[in-house]
């Protein structure tokens, strides 16, 4: 039997290289993942907006406010959500014709000039429906915290004022557009409902508003 073993081993040895050549090799595929989708990245935005008064604020100043600035900063996580900080400045006013007003135990005949300003200071949580590196990124957002408010109602030369820090909430939806994936500069539009828990004088039942804003954004890692 030994005389058959040596030829068999020799045949197997010679056949192994041929078998190796016929086995297909799996191609190596390199998948490039954007830095925006791998790590925590950052985003800043500045927007100008117009605000429509609602609720108690509409009874105080009924006109549309055109003096609104929104500033946002966000930490963007690979799981398509972000946490951030929101601030800005909002101002509305309305001038009423001369009328007689019963204010407390006083009767006043004067021209009223009603003003109301808000500086929000809130934390936000957002969820995006596209990757952080995407060119188009729609999102939903909830924000809460507070706002510095300044209520001044002028009766001629007299002024009735109340100011302080009040609680506030601000849910929103929006869209960020960068033009192409991974581009740093872009544009943003947002619709935000804001409610400031403030009641005083001629402004009852809180101060809600709907703000529509548009502006510029910048992201980096």
Protein backbone atom coordinates (compact mmCIF):
# COMPACT_ATOMS: atom_id res chain seq x y z
CA UNK A 1 0.00 0.00 0.00
CA UNK A 2 2.90 2.34 0.67
CA UNK A 3 3.79 2.32 -3.00
CA UNK A 4 0.39 4.04 -3.71
CA UNK A 5 0.64 6.64 -0.90
CA UNK A 6 3.54 8.61 -2.33
CA UNK A 7 2.00 9.15 -5.81
CA UNK A 8 -1.33 10.17 -4.19
CA UNK A 9 0.30 12.80 -1.94
CA UNK A 10 2.28 14.12 -4.90
CA UNK A 11 -0.91 14.49 -6.97
CA UNK A 12 -2.72 16.36 -4.17
CA UNK A 13 0.24 18.72 -3.72
CA UNK A 14 0.29 19.57 -7.42
CA UNK A 15 -3.49 20.12 -7.53
CA UNK A 16 -3.71 22.59 -4.62
CA UNK A 17 -2.37 25.65 -6.53
CA UNK A 18 -4.83 25.03 -9.35
CA UNK A 19 -7.76 24.81 -6.92
CA UNK A 20 -6.68 28.05 -5.26
CA UNK A 21 -6.64 29.85 -8.60
CA UNK A 22 -10.19 28.77 -9.41
CA UNK A 23 -11.62 30.03 -6.07
CA UNK A 24 -13.12 33.53 -6.66
CA UNK A 25 -11.76 36.26 -4.40
CA UNK A 26 -14.25 38.50 -2.58
CA UNK A 27 -13.64 42.09 -3.67
CA UNK A 28 -12.74 44.55 -0.90
CA UNK A 29 -15.33 47.29 -0.63
CA UNK A 30 -14.43 50.48 1.24
CA UNK A 31 -17.43 52.42 2.52
CA UNK A 32 -16.69 56.06 3.33
CA UNK A 33 -18.75 57.43 6.23
CA UNK A 34 -18.94 61.18 6.63
CA UNK A 35 -17.44 62.77 9.71
CA UNK A 36 -20.86 64.37 10.33
CA UNK A 37 -22.43 60.90 10.63
CA UNK A 38 -19.70 59.40 12.85
CA UNK A 39 -19.12 62.00 15.55
CA UNK A 40 -20.89 64.74 17.50
CA UNK A 41 -20.91 67.86 15.32
CA UNK A 42 -22.12 71.43 15.72
CA UNK A 43 -24.56 73.85 14.12
CA UNK A 44 -25.27 77.59 14.47
CA UNK A 45 -28.16 79.48 12.91
CA UNK A 46 -29.45 83.05 12.78
CA UNK A 47 -32.91 83.83 11.43
CA UNK A 48 -35.20 86.83 10.93
CA UNK A 49 -38.93 86.31 11.40
CA UNK A 50 -42.42 87.74 11.56
CA UNK A 51 -44.72 86.80 14.45
CA UNK A 52 -48.49 86.56 14.61
CA UNK A 53 -49.97 87.24 18.08
CA UNK A 54 -52.38 84.70 19.51
CA UNK A 55 -54.45 84.27 22.67
CA UNK A 56 -53.95 86.93 25.31
CA UNK A 57 -51.19 88.63 23.33
CA UNK A 58 -53.62 89.28 20.47
CA UNK A 59 -55.93 91.17 22.83
CA UNK A 60 -52.98 93.37 23.84
CA UNK A 61 -51.34 93.95 20.41
CA UNK A 62 -53.34 92.68 17.46
CA UNK A 63 -50.87 93.49 14.65
CA UNK A 64 -48.15 91.32 13.11
CA UNK A 65 -44.71 91.86 14.61
CA UNK A 66 -41.82 92.39 12.17
CA UNK A 67 -39.08 92.71 14.80
CA UNK A 68 -37.92 89.18 15.57
CA UNK A 69 -34.45 87.63 15.65
CA UNK A 70 -33.79 83.95 16.46
CA UNK A 71 -30.39 82.50 17.42
CA UNK A 72 -29.83 78.73 17.80
CA UNK A 73 -26.85 76.55 18.67
CA UNK A 74 -26.94 72.73 18.49
CA UNK A 75 -24.89 69.65 19.28
CA UNK A 76 -25.75 67.11 16.56
CA UNK A 77 -25.49 63.40 17.39
CA UNK A 78 -25.03 60.57 14.82
CA UNK A 79 -28.43 59.13 15.79
CA UNK A 80 -30.12 62.11 14.03
CA UNK A 81 -31.10 64.01 17.16
CA UNK A 82 -29.66 67.14 18.69
CA UNK A 83 -29.72 69.17 21.88
CA UNK A 84 -29.28 72.90 21.78
CA UNK A 85 -29.81 76.38 23.16
CA UNK A 86 -32.18 79.03 21.78
CA UNK A 87 -32.33 82.77 22.27
CA UNK A 88 -33.10 85.92 20.31
CA UNK A 89 -35.19 89.05 20.55
CA UNK A 90 -38.91 89.66 19.89
CA UNK A 91 -40.72 92.98 20.01
CA UNK A 92 -44.28 94.02 19.27
CA UNK A 93 -46.16 97.28 19.78
CA UNK A 94 -49.47 98.96 18.97
CA UNK A 95 -50.73 102.52 19.28
CA UNK A 96 -54.41 103.05 20.14
CA UNK A 97 -56.39 106.29 19.68
CA UNK A 98 -57.32 108.43 22.66
CA UNK A 99 -59.93 106.82 24.84
CA UNK A 100 -61.18 106.77 28.40
CA UNK A 101 -59.91 103.78 30.36
CA UNK A 102 -60.98 102.59 33.78
CA UNK A 103 -57.78 101.29 35.32
CA UNK A 104 -58.22 100.04 38.86
CA UNK A 105 -59.84 102.87 40.80
CA UNK A 106 -58.68 105.50 38.29
CA UNK A 107 -60.21 106.92 35.13
CA UNK A 108 -57.61 107.83 32.48
CA UNK A 109 -58.18 109.59 29.14
CA UNK A 110 -55.08 109.17 27.00
CA UNK A 111 -53.48 107.70 23.89
CA UNK A 112 -52.24 104.19 24.61
CA UNK A 113 -48.96 102.83 23.26
CA UNK A 114 -48.64 99.15 24.11
CA UNK A 115 -45.26 97.41 23.88
CA UNK A 116 -44.09 93.90 24.71
CA UNK A 117 -40.57 92.50 24.30
CA UNK A 118 -39.26 88.97 24.86
CA UNK A 119 -35.74 87.53 25.10
CA UNK A 120 -36.12 83.73 25.20
CA UNK A 121 -33.59 81.47 26.92
CA UNK A 122 -34.46 77.84 26.22
CA UNK A 123 -33.01 74.37 25.79
CA UNK A 124 -34.11 72.43 22.71
CA UNK A 125 -34.37 68.80 21.59
CA UNK A 126 -34.67 68.08 17.86
CA UNK A 127 -35.11 65.00 15.70
CA UNK A 128 -33.98 65.04 12.05
CA UNK A 129 -35.41 62.91 9.24
CA UNK A 130 -32.10 62.79 7.34
CA UNK A 131 -28.45 62.11 8.16
CA UNK A 132 -26.32 64.87 9.66
CA UNK A 133 -24.29 65.07 6.42
CA UNK A 134 -27.41 65.38 4.24
CA UNK A 135 -28.14 68.21 1.86
CA UNK A 136 -31.80 68.54 2.95
CA UNK A 137 -32.69 68.01 6.63
CA UNK A 138 -36.31 68.38 7.80
CA UNK A 139 -36.85 68.26 11.56
CA UNK A 140 -39.22 68.57 14.49
CA UNK A 141 -38.23 70.36 17.69
CA UNK A 142 -39.42 70.97 21.22
CA UNK A 143 -37.93 73.70 23.40
CA UNK A 144 -38.58 74.82 26.94
CA UNK A 145 -37.16 77.15 29.55
CA UNK A 146 -37.98 80.77 30.10
CA UNK A 147 -37.94 84.29 28.75
CA UNK A 148 -37.09 87.77 29.97
CA UNK A 149 -40.23 89.83 29.31
CA UNK A 150 -40.79 93.59 29.43
CA UNK A 151 -44.40 94.82 29.34
CA UNK A 152 -44.89 98.59 29.06
CA UNK A 153 -48.27 100.20 28.44
CA UNK A 154 -47.99 103.96 28.00
CA UNK A 155 -50.99 106.18 28.82
CA UNK A 156 -49.74 109.44 27.39
CA UNK A 157 -46.68 110.29 29.49
CA UNK A 158 -47.55 107.71 32.17
CA UNK A 159 -46.29 104.14 31.95
CA UNK A 160 -47.51 100.90 33.46
CA UNK A 161 -44.62 98.41 33.43
CA UNK A 162 -44.03 94.81 34.47
CA UNK A 163 -40.91 92.80 33.68
CA UNK A 164 -39.20 89.64 34.82
CA UNK A 165 -38.26 86.08 33.88
CA UNK A 166 -41.21 83.84 33.01
CA UNK A 167 -41.57 80.22 31.91
CA UNK A 168 -41.93 79.47 28.18
CA UNK A 169 -42.27 76.60 25.71
CA UNK A 170 -41.69 76.58 21.94
CA UNK A 171 -42.41 73.54 19.70
CA UNK A 172 -41.32 73.98 16.07
CA UNK A 173 -40.89 72.33 12.67
CA UNK A 174 -38.29 73.33 10.11
CA UNK A 175 -36.07 72.53 7.15
CA UNK A 176 -32.34 73.01 6.65
CA UNK A 177 -31.01 73.16 3.10
CA UNK A 178 -27.27 72.91 2.32
CA UNK A 179 -27.28 72.43 -1.45
CA UNK A 180 -25.11 69.29 -1.33
CA UNK A 181 -23.98 66.72 1.29
CA UNK A 182 -21.35 67.88 3.81
CA UNK A 183 -21.55 71.52 2.72
CA UNK A 184 -21.00 73.80 5.70
CA UNK A 185 -23.15 76.84 4.86
CA UNK A 186 -26.86 76.63 4.18
CA UNK A 187 -30.30 78.15 4.70
CA UNK A 188 -33.10 77.37 7.14
CA UNK A 189 -36.82 78.01 7.43
CA UNK A 190 -38.83 77.39 10.60
CA UNK A 191 -42.37 77.67 11.94
CA UNK A 192 -42.49 78.00 15.75
CA UNK A 193 -45.33 78.23 18.23
CA UNK A 194 -44.20 79.99 21.41
CA UNK A 195 -46.11 80.47 24.65
CA UNK A 196 -44.76 82.71 27.40
CA UNK A 197 -46.56 82.27 30.72
CA UNK A 198 -47.13 85.94 31.46
CA UNK A 199 -50.32 87.66 32.67
CA UNK A 200 -50.49 91.31 33.58
CA UNK A 201 -52.65 94.39 33.02
CA UNK A 202 -54.13 94.45 29.52
CA UNK A 203 -52.44 91.12 28.60
CA UNK A 204 -54.46 88.19 30.01
CA UNK A 205 -54.13 84.43 29.59
CA UNK A 206 -50.43 84.15 28.65
CA UNK A 207 -48.63 85.48 25.55
CA UNK A 208 -48.59 82.89 22.72
CA UNK A 209 -47.46 83.64 19.17
CA UNK A 210 -46.66 81.92 15.87
CA UNK A 211 -43.32 82.94 14.35
CA UNK A 212 -42.27 82.21 10.76
CA UNK A 213 -38.54 82.72 10.24
CA UNK A 214 -35.80 82.20 7.66
CA UNK A 215 -32.04 82.64 7.83
CA UNK A 216 -28.53 81.22 7.49
CA UNK A 217 -26.88 78.18 9.12
CA UNK A 218 -23.34 76.90 9.52
CA UNK A 219 -22.26 73.38 10.55
CA UNK A 220 -18.84 71.98 11.36
CA UNK A 221 -17.03 69.14 13.15
